[in-house]
Amino acid sequence: MVHPTEKDLWLLLAAWGPLPVIFVVAIHRLLTSGCDQAFWILGGLVVFYLGIMLVCAWPVSYEIAPECLIVRSGVTRQEIPLSDIRKVSPSNNLLSAPAWSVHRLRVDYRKGGKERFQLISPESRETFLDEMARAAGLEHDGDGLVRSSA
C-alpha cells in the first residue's frame, strides 16, 4: 500500500511560498519595464525553483512492498529492506527529509554494517505502523515498533 506524506501547511508555505512571490514580481516587472534583464532573471528563477521542487520534493510517498520500504521524493527512490529495519519511532527531528510534516517517524535500519535512519511522515501514522509491523515482523512498542530480540 502506498502512503502519502502528511502535509503541514506552514511547511508547504515556507517551501512553495517564494515561487508565487517571484512569479508576481516577474509579471510586474514585465508589465512595467518590458522584457528587460531583470524580468529574464526573475523568470529564470521561477523555472529553476519550480524545477528543483518538482524534481526533488514532489510528490512524496512511502510504500511498504513485500521486501522493502520504498521512500519516494520527486524523482528519487530509496529502498530499505524490511529485514534491515530495527525500530520505527516518533520523531520531531527537523533534519531535511522526504517529508512534508515535522510530525515524523524515524526508521532505524542497518546498511553495510552501519546504523542509519530515515525520517518519514505518513499521513495515516497508525495504518502505516500496523502495516509495517505485519510486513516487517516488528512488534508494537508504545507509539512505535521494534524488532523482537527473539
N, C-alpha and C. Protein backbone atom coordinates (compact mmCIF):
# COMPACT_ATOMS: atom_id res chain seq x y z
N MET A 1 0.84 -1.19 0.00
CA MET A 1 0.00 0.00 0.00
C MET A 1 0.88 1.25 0.00
N VAL A 2 0.49 2.22 -0.77
CA VAL A 2 1.22 3.49 -0.84
C VAL A 2 0.62 4.45 0.17
N HIS A 3 1.49 5.05 0.97
CA HIS A 3 1.07 6.01 1.99
C HIS A 3 1.59 7.39 1.60
N PRO A 4 0.68 8.35 1.35
CA PRO A 4 1.14 9.71 1.03
C PRO A 4 1.71 10.36 2.29
N THR A 5 2.51 11.40 2.07
CA THR A 5 3.08 12.12 3.19
C THR A 5 2.03 13.02 3.85
N GLU A 6 2.16 13.18 5.15
CA GLU A 6 1.34 14.17 5.86
C GLU A 6 1.88 15.54 5.45
N LYS A 7 1.01 16.54 5.42
CA LYS A 7 1.43 17.86 4.98
C LYS A 7 1.11 18.91 6.04
N ASP A 8 2.14 19.61 6.49
CA ASP A 8 1.96 20.76 7.38
C ASP A 8 1.83 22.00 6.51
N LEU A 9 0.75 22.75 6.69
CA LEU A 9 0.51 23.93 5.86
C LEU A 9 1.66 24.92 5.94
N TRP A 10 2.17 25.16 7.14
CA TRP A 10 3.25 26.14 7.29
C TRP A 10 4.51 25.69 6.54
N LEU A 11 4.77 24.38 6.52
CA LEU A 11 5.95 23.88 5.82
C LEU A 11 5.78 23.99 4.30
N LEU A 12 4.57 23.69 3.82
CA LEU A 12 4.28 23.87 2.39
C LEU A 12 4.42 25.33 1.99
N LEU A 13 3.90 26.23 2.83
CA LEU A 13 4.01 27.66 2.51
C LEU A 13 5.45 28.13 2.54
N ALA A 14 6.23 27.63 3.49
CA ALA A 14 7.64 28.03 3.57
C ALA A 14 8.42 27.54 2.35
N ALA A 15 8.10 26.34 1.88
CA ALA A 15 8.83 25.77 0.75
C ALA A 15 8.34 26.31 -0.59
N TRP A 16 7.03 26.39 -0.76
CA TRP A 16 6.46 26.79 -2.04
C TRP A 16 6.16 28.28 -2.11
N GLY A 17 6.11 28.97 -0.98
CA GLY A 17 5.74 30.38 -0.92
C GLY A 17 6.55 31.31 -1.79
N PRO A 18 7.88 31.12 -1.85
CA PRO A 18 8.67 32.03 -2.69
C PRO A 18 8.30 31.97 -4.18
N LEU A 19 7.81 30.85 -4.64
CA LEU A 19 7.51 30.69 -6.06
C LEU A 19 6.48 31.71 -6.56
N PRO A 20 5.28 31.81 -5.94
CA PRO A 20 4.34 32.81 -6.45
C PRO A 20 4.82 34.25 -6.25
N VAL A 21 5.61 34.49 -5.21
CA VAL A 21 6.13 35.84 -4.98
C VAL A 21 7.06 36.23 -6.12
N ILE A 22 7.99 35.35 -6.46
CA ILE A 22 8.91 35.63 -7.57
C ILE A 22 8.14 35.79 -8.88
N PHE A 23 7.13 34.94 -9.08
CA PHE A 23 6.32 34.99 -10.30
C PHE A 23 5.61 36.34 -10.42
N VAL A 24 4.98 36.78 -9.33
CA VAL A 24 4.26 38.07 -9.34
C VAL A 24 5.22 39.22 -9.60
N VAL A 25 6.40 39.18 -8.98
CA VAL A 25 7.39 40.24 -9.20
C VAL A 25 7.84 40.23 -10.66
N ALA A 26 8.03 39.04 -11.24
CA ALA A 26 8.44 38.94 -12.65
C ALA A 26 7.36 39.52 -13.57
N ILE A 27 6.09 39.19 -13.31
CA ILE A 27 4.99 39.72 -14.13
C ILE A 27 4.90 41.24 -13.98
N HIS A 28 5.03 41.73 -12.74
CA HIS A 28 5.01 43.18 -12.51
C HIS A 28 6.14 43.85 -13.29
N ARG A 29 7.30 43.22 -13.25
CA ARG A 29 8.46 43.77 -13.98
C ARG A 29 8.18 43.79 -15.49
N LEU A 30 7.57 42.73 -16.00
CA LEU A 30 7.23 42.65 -17.42
C LEU A 30 6.27 43.76 -17.81
N LEU A 31 5.24 43.97 -16.98
CA LEU A 31 4.23 44.97 -17.29
C LEU A 31 4.75 46.40 -17.17
N THR A 32 5.71 46.62 -16.26
CA THR A 32 6.20 47.99 -16.05
C THR A 32 7.44 48.33 -16.86
N SER A 33 8.29 47.33 -17.11
CA SER A 33 9.56 47.62 -17.78
C SER A 33 9.79 46.80 -19.04
N GLY A 34 8.85 45.95 -19.38
CA GLY A 34 9.04 45.11 -20.55
C GLY A 34 9.99 43.95 -20.28
N CYS A 35 10.45 43.37 -21.34
CA CYS A 35 11.33 42.19 -21.23
C CYS A 35 12.77 42.62 -21.01
N ASP A 36 13.03 43.26 -19.87
CA ASP A 36 14.40 43.66 -19.57
C ASP A 36 15.16 42.51 -18.90
N GLN A 37 16.40 42.76 -18.56
CA GLN A 37 17.25 41.73 -17.97
C GLN A 37 16.69 41.23 -16.64
N ALA A 38 16.15 42.11 -15.83
CA ALA A 38 15.59 41.70 -14.53
C ALA A 38 14.42 40.74 -14.71
N PHE A 39 13.58 40.97 -15.73
CA PHE A 39 12.46 40.06 -15.99
C PHE A 39 12.97 38.67 -16.32
N TRP A 40 13.98 38.60 -17.19
CA TRP A 40 14.50 37.29 -17.59
C TRP A 40 15.18 36.57 -16.42
N ILE A 41 15.83 37.32 -15.57
CA ILE A 41 16.45 36.71 -14.38
C ILE A 41 15.36 36.16 -13.45
N LEU A 42 14.33 36.96 -13.21
CA LEU A 42 13.23 36.51 -12.35
C LEU A 42 12.49 35.32 -12.97
N GLY A 43 12.24 35.38 -14.28
CA GLY A 43 11.60 34.26 -14.97
C GLY A 43 12.44 32.99 -14.88
N GLY A 44 13.75 33.14 -15.03
CA GLY A 44 14.65 32.00 -14.89
C GLY A 44 14.61 31.43 -13.48
N LEU A 45 14.51 32.32 -12.48
CA LEU A 45 14.40 31.86 -11.09
C LEU A 45 13.12 31.06 -10.87
N VAL A 46 12.01 31.51 -11.44
CA VAL A 46 10.75 30.79 -11.32
C VAL A 46 10.89 29.38 -11.89
N VAL A 47 11.42 29.28 -13.10
CA VAL A 47 11.57 27.98 -13.75
C VAL A 47 12.53 27.10 -12.96
N PHE A 48 13.66 27.66 -12.51
CA PHE A 48 14.65 26.91 -11.75
C PHE A 48 14.06 26.39 -10.43
N TYR A 49 13.40 27.28 -9.69
CA TYR A 49 12.82 26.92 -8.40
C TYR A 49 11.75 25.85 -8.56
N LEU A 50 10.87 26.04 -9.53
CA LEU A 50 9.82 25.06 -9.79
C LEU A 50 10.44 23.72 -10.18
N GLY A 51 11.45 23.75 -11.02
CA GLY A 51 12.13 22.52 -11.43
C GLY A 51 12.75 21.79 -10.26
N ILE A 52 13.44 22.50 -9.40
CA ILE A 52 14.07 21.88 -8.23
C ILE A 52 13.00 21.26 -7.33
N MET A 53 11.93 21.98 -7.08
CA MET A 53 10.88 21.47 -6.19
C MET A 53 10.22 20.23 -6.79
N LEU A 54 9.96 20.23 -8.08
CA LEU A 54 9.31 19.08 -8.71
C LEU A 54 10.24 17.88 -8.83
N VAL A 55 11.50 18.12 -9.09
CA VAL A 55 12.45 17.01 -9.23
C VAL A 55 12.81 16.41 -7.87
N CYS A 56 12.97 17.25 -6.87
CA CYS A 56 13.48 16.77 -5.57
C CYS A 56 12.41 16.52 -4.51
N ALA A 57 11.31 17.22 -4.57
CA ALA A 57 10.44 17.22 -3.40
C ALA A 57 8.96 17.00 -3.64
N TRP A 58 8.55 16.68 -4.84
CA TRP A 58 7.13 16.46 -5.07
C TRP A 58 6.93 15.41 -6.14
N PRO A 59 6.13 14.43 -5.98
CA PRO A 59 5.38 14.06 -4.79
C PRO A 59 6.25 13.27 -3.81
N VAL A 60 5.75 13.10 -2.59
CA VAL A 60 6.42 12.30 -1.56
C VAL A 60 5.46 11.20 -1.12
N SER A 61 5.95 9.96 -1.11
CA SER A 61 5.12 8.84 -0.64
C SER A 61 6.01 7.73 -0.10
N TYR A 62 5.36 6.83 0.62
CA TYR A 62 6.05 5.69 1.24
C TYR A 62 5.25 4.44 0.91
N GLU A 63 5.92 3.43 0.39
CA GLU A 63 5.24 2.19 0.03
C GLU A 63 5.89 1.03 0.77
N ILE A 64 5.04 0.23 1.41
CA ILE A 64 5.53 -0.97 2.05
C ILE A 64 5.31 -2.11 1.06
N ALA A 65 6.40 -2.48 0.38
CA ALA A 65 6.38 -3.56 -0.60
C ALA A 65 6.68 -4.87 0.12
N PRO A 66 6.54 -6.02 -0.56
CA PRO A 66 6.78 -7.30 0.11
C PRO A 66 8.18 -7.43 0.75
N GLU A 67 9.18 -6.82 0.16
CA GLU A 67 10.55 -6.99 0.67
C GLU A 67 11.19 -5.72 1.22
N CYS A 68 10.58 -4.54 0.94
CA CYS A 68 11.25 -3.31 1.35
C CYS A 68 10.27 -2.16 1.55
N LEU A 69 10.75 -1.15 2.26
CA LEU A 69 10.06 0.12 2.38
C LEU A 69 10.62 1.00 1.28
N ILE A 70 9.73 1.51 0.42
CA ILE A 70 10.15 2.37 -0.68
C ILE A 70 9.77 3.80 -0.33
N VAL A 71 10.78 4.67 -0.28
CA VAL A 71 10.57 6.08 0.04
C VAL A 71 10.80 6.86 -1.25
N ARG A 72 9.74 7.53 -1.73
CA ARG A 72 9.84 8.32 -2.97
C ARG A 72 9.71 9.80 -2.64
N SER A 73 10.59 10.58 -3.25
CA SER A 73 10.53 12.03 -3.12
C SER A 73 10.98 12.63 -4.44
N GLY A 74 10.03 13.18 -5.18
CA GLY A 74 10.34 13.67 -6.51
C GLY A 74 10.77 12.50 -7.38
N VAL A 75 11.91 12.61 -8.01
CA VAL A 75 12.39 11.53 -8.87
C VAL A 75 13.29 10.54 -8.11
N THR A 76 13.58 10.82 -6.84
CA THR A 76 14.43 9.91 -6.07
C THR A 76 13.61 8.79 -5.46
N ARG A 77 14.28 7.66 -5.29
CA ARG A 77 13.62 6.48 -4.74
C ARG A 77 14.65 5.75 -3.88
N GLN A 78 14.29 5.50 -2.63
CA GLN A 78 15.16 4.78 -1.72
C GLN A 78 14.45 3.51 -1.28
N GLU A 79 15.15 2.39 -1.31
CA GLU A 79 14.59 1.12 -0.85
C GLU A 79 15.32 0.69 0.41
N ILE A 80 14.55 0.45 1.46
CA ILE A 80 15.10 -0.04 2.73
C ILE A 80 14.54 -1.44 2.94
N PRO A 81 15.39 -2.48 2.88
CA PRO A 81 14.89 -3.84 3.10
C PRO A 81 14.19 -3.95 4.46
N LEU A 82 13.01 -4.57 4.46
CA LEU A 82 12.25 -4.71 5.70
C LEU A 82 13.04 -5.48 6.75
N SER A 83 13.84 -6.43 6.33
CA SER A 83 14.61 -7.24 7.26
C SER A 83 15.71 -6.43 7.95
N ASP A 84 16.10 -5.27 7.37
CA ASP A 84 17.14 -4.42 7.97
C ASP A 84 16.58 -3.40 8.96
N ILE A 85 15.26 -3.22 8.98
CA ILE A 85 14.65 -2.24 9.87
C ILE A 85 14.67 -2.77 11.30
N ARG A 86 15.23 -1.97 12.21
CA ARG A 86 15.35 -2.36 13.62
C ARG A 86 14.28 -1.73 14.49
N LYS A 87 13.87 -0.51 14.13
CA LYS A 87 12.97 0.25 15.00
C LYS A 87 12.30 1.36 14.20
N VAL A 88 11.07 1.66 14.56
CA VAL A 88 10.35 2.80 13.99
C VAL A 88 9.78 3.57 15.18
N SER A 89 10.14 4.84 15.32
CA SER A 89 9.71 5.59 16.49
C SER A 89 9.31 7.02 16.11
N PRO A 90 8.43 7.64 16.90
CA PRO A 90 8.02 9.02 16.64
C PRO A 90 9.22 9.97 16.73
N SER A 91 9.21 11.01 15.91
CA SER A 91 10.30 11.99 15.91
C SER A 91 9.77 13.34 15.45
N ASN A 92 10.34 14.38 16.01
CA ASN A 92 10.06 15.74 15.54
C ASN A 92 11.35 16.38 15.02
N ASN A 93 12.27 15.54 14.58
CA ASN A 93 13.56 15.98 14.07
C ASN A 93 13.34 16.86 12.83
N LEU A 94 14.02 17.99 12.78
CA LEU A 94 13.84 18.94 11.68
C LEU A 94 14.86 18.78 10.56
N LEU A 95 15.66 17.71 10.61
CA LEU A 95 16.60 17.47 9.52
C LEU A 95 15.86 17.37 8.19
N SER A 96 16.54 17.73 7.14
CA SER A 96 15.95 17.59 5.81
C SER A 96 15.58 16.13 5.58
N ALA A 97 14.38 15.91 5.08
CA ALA A 97 13.90 14.55 4.89
C ALA A 97 12.80 14.53 3.84
N PRO A 98 12.54 13.36 3.26
CA PRO A 98 11.41 13.25 2.32
C PRO A 98 10.10 13.24 3.10
N ALA A 99 9.73 14.40 3.62
CA ALA A 99 8.55 14.52 4.46
C ALA A 99 8.06 15.97 4.42
N TRP A 100 6.75 16.15 4.30
CA TRP A 100 6.16 17.48 4.28
C TRP A 100 5.49 17.83 5.60
N SER A 101 5.96 17.19 6.67
CA SER A 101 5.47 17.46 8.01
C SER A 101 6.60 17.24 9.00
N VAL A 102 6.54 17.90 10.14
CA VAL A 102 7.53 17.63 11.19
C VAL A 102 7.00 16.58 12.16
N HIS A 103 5.80 16.11 11.95
CA HIS A 103 5.20 15.00 12.71
C HIS A 103 5.68 13.72 12.04
N ARG A 104 6.86 13.26 12.42
CA ARG A 104 7.56 12.24 11.66
C ARG A 104 7.75 10.93 12.40
N LEU A 105 8.15 9.95 11.62
CA LEU A 105 8.60 8.67 12.16
C LEU A 105 10.06 8.50 11.77
N ARG A 106 10.84 8.03 12.72
CA ARG A 106 12.25 7.73 12.45
C ARG A 106 12.36 6.23 12.23
N VAL A 107 12.84 5.85 11.05
CA VAL A 107 13.02 4.44 10.71
C VAL A 107 14.52 4.13 10.86
N ASP A 108 14.86 3.36 11.90
CA ASP A 108 16.25 2.97 12.13
C ASP A 108 16.50 1.63 11.44
N TYR A 109 17.63 1.55 10.71
CA TYR A 109 17.96 0.32 9.98
C TYR A 109 19.47 0.19 9.86
N ARG A 110 19.91 -0.99 9.47
CA ARG A 110 21.34 -1.25 9.24
C ARG A 110 21.58 -1.40 7.75
N LYS A 111 22.65 -0.78 7.28
CA LYS A 111 23.03 -0.92 5.87
C LYS A 111 24.55 -0.96 5.81
N GLY A 112 25.07 -2.01 5.22
CA GLY A 112 26.52 -2.14 5.10
C GLY A 112 27.21 -2.16 6.45
N GLY A 113 26.56 -2.74 7.46
CA GLY A 113 27.16 -2.83 8.79
C GLY A 113 27.08 -1.54 9.59
N LYS A 114 26.44 -0.50 9.05
CA LYS A 114 26.32 0.78 9.76
C LYS A 114 24.88 1.06 10.13
N GLU A 115 24.70 1.70 11.27
CA GLU A 115 23.38 2.14 11.70
C GLU A 115 23.01 3.40 10.92
N ARG A 116 21.81 3.40 10.36
CA ARG A 116 21.31 4.55 9.59
C ARG A 116 19.87 4.81 9.99
N PHE A 117 19.34 5.94 9.53
CA PHE A 117 17.93 6.23 9.76
C PHE A 117 17.38 7.07 8.63
N GLN A 118 16.07 7.00 8.48
CA GLN A 118 15.33 7.81 7.51
C GLN A 118 14.14 8.40 8.23
N LEU A 119 13.87 9.67 7.99
CA LEU A 119 12.70 10.34 8.57
C LEU A 119 11.59 10.38 7.54
N ILE A 120 10.40 9.96 7.94
CA ILE A 120 9.24 9.95 7.05
C ILE A 120 8.04 10.51 7.80
N SER A 121 6.99 10.87 7.07
CA SER A 121 5.79 11.42 7.72
C SER A 121 4.53 10.88 7.02
N PRO A 122 4.21 9.60 7.22
CA PRO A 122 3.00 9.08 6.58
C PRO A 122 1.75 9.77 7.11
N GLU A 123 0.81 10.02 6.20
CA GLU A 123 -0.42 10.73 6.54
C GLU A 123 -1.21 10.00 7.62
N SER A 124 -1.36 8.71 7.47
CA SER A 124 -2.07 7.91 8.47
C SER A 124 -1.05 7.07 9.23
N ARG A 125 -0.53 7.64 10.29
CA ARG A 125 0.55 7.02 11.05
C ARG A 125 0.16 5.64 11.58
N GLU A 126 -1.02 5.50 12.16
CA GLU A 126 -1.44 4.21 12.74
C GLU A 126 -1.57 3.12 11.68
N THR A 127 -2.18 3.46 10.56
CA THR A 127 -2.31 2.50 9.47
C THR A 127 -0.93 2.08 8.97
N PHE A 128 -0.04 3.04 8.81
CA PHE A 128 1.32 2.75 8.36
C PHE A 128 2.02 1.83 9.35
N LEU A 129 1.96 2.15 10.65
CA LEU A 129 2.63 1.33 11.65
C LEU A 129 2.07 -0.08 11.70
N ASP A 130 0.75 -0.22 11.60
CA ASP A 130 0.14 -1.56 11.59
C ASP A 130 0.62 -2.37 10.39
N GLU A 131 0.63 -1.75 9.22
CA GLU A 131 1.08 -2.45 8.02
C GLU A 131 2.56 -2.79 8.10
N MET A 132 3.36 -1.86 8.61
CA MET A 132 4.80 -2.10 8.76
C MET A 132 5.07 -3.24 9.74
N ALA A 133 4.32 -3.28 10.83
CA ALA A 133 4.50 -4.35 11.82
C ALA A 133 4.25 -5.71 11.18
N ARG A 134 3.17 -5.82 10.43
CA ARG A 134 2.85 -7.09 9.76
C ARG A 134 3.89 -7.46 8.71
N ALA A 135 4.25 -6.50 7.87
CA ALA A 135 5.15 -6.79 6.75
C ALA A 135 6.58 -7.07 7.18
N ALA A 136 7.06 -6.35 8.20
CA ALA A 136 8.47 -6.47 8.60
C ALA A 136 8.69 -7.37 9.81
N GLY A 137 7.60 -7.87 10.39
CA GLY A 137 7.75 -8.70 11.57
C GLY A 137 8.19 -7.92 12.80
N LEU A 138 7.75 -6.68 12.90
CA LEU A 138 8.07 -5.84 14.05
C LEU A 138 6.93 -5.88 15.06
N GLU A 139 7.25 -5.55 16.30
CA GLU A 139 6.24 -5.54 17.37
C GLU A 139 5.96 -4.11 17.80
N HIS A 140 4.70 -3.86 18.15
CA HIS A 140 4.32 -2.54 18.67
C HIS A 140 5.00 -2.32 20.01
N ASP A 141 5.53 -1.11 20.19
CA ASP A 141 6.19 -0.72 21.43
C ASP A 141 5.82 0.73 21.70
N GLY A 142 4.77 0.95 22.46
CA GLY A 142 4.28 2.30 22.68
C GLY A 142 3.77 2.90 21.39
N ASP A 143 4.34 4.05 21.01
CA ASP A 143 3.94 4.73 19.76
C ASP A 143 4.75 4.28 18.55
N GLY A 144 5.62 3.30 18.73
CA GLY A 144 6.47 2.87 17.62
C GLY A 144 6.50 1.37 17.47
N LEU A 145 7.55 0.90 16.78
CA LEU A 145 7.73 -0.52 16.51
C LEU A 145 9.17 -0.88 16.80
N VAL A 146 9.39 -2.13 17.23
CA VAL A 146 10.75 -2.64 17.43
C VAL A 146 10.84 -4.06 16.91
N ARG A 147 12.05 -4.44 16.54
CA ARG A 147 12.29 -5.83 16.15
C ARG A 147 12.46 -6.63 17.43
N SER A 148 11.74 -7.72 17.53
CA SER A 148 11.84 -8.54 18.74
C SER A 148 13.23 -9.14 18.84
N SER A 149 13.69 -9.37 20.06
CA SER A 149 15.04 -9.88 20.28
C SER A 149 15.12 -11.38 20.09
N ALA A 150 13.98 -12.04 19.86
CA ALA A 150 13.98 -13.50 19.72
C ALA A 150 14.52 -13.93 18.38
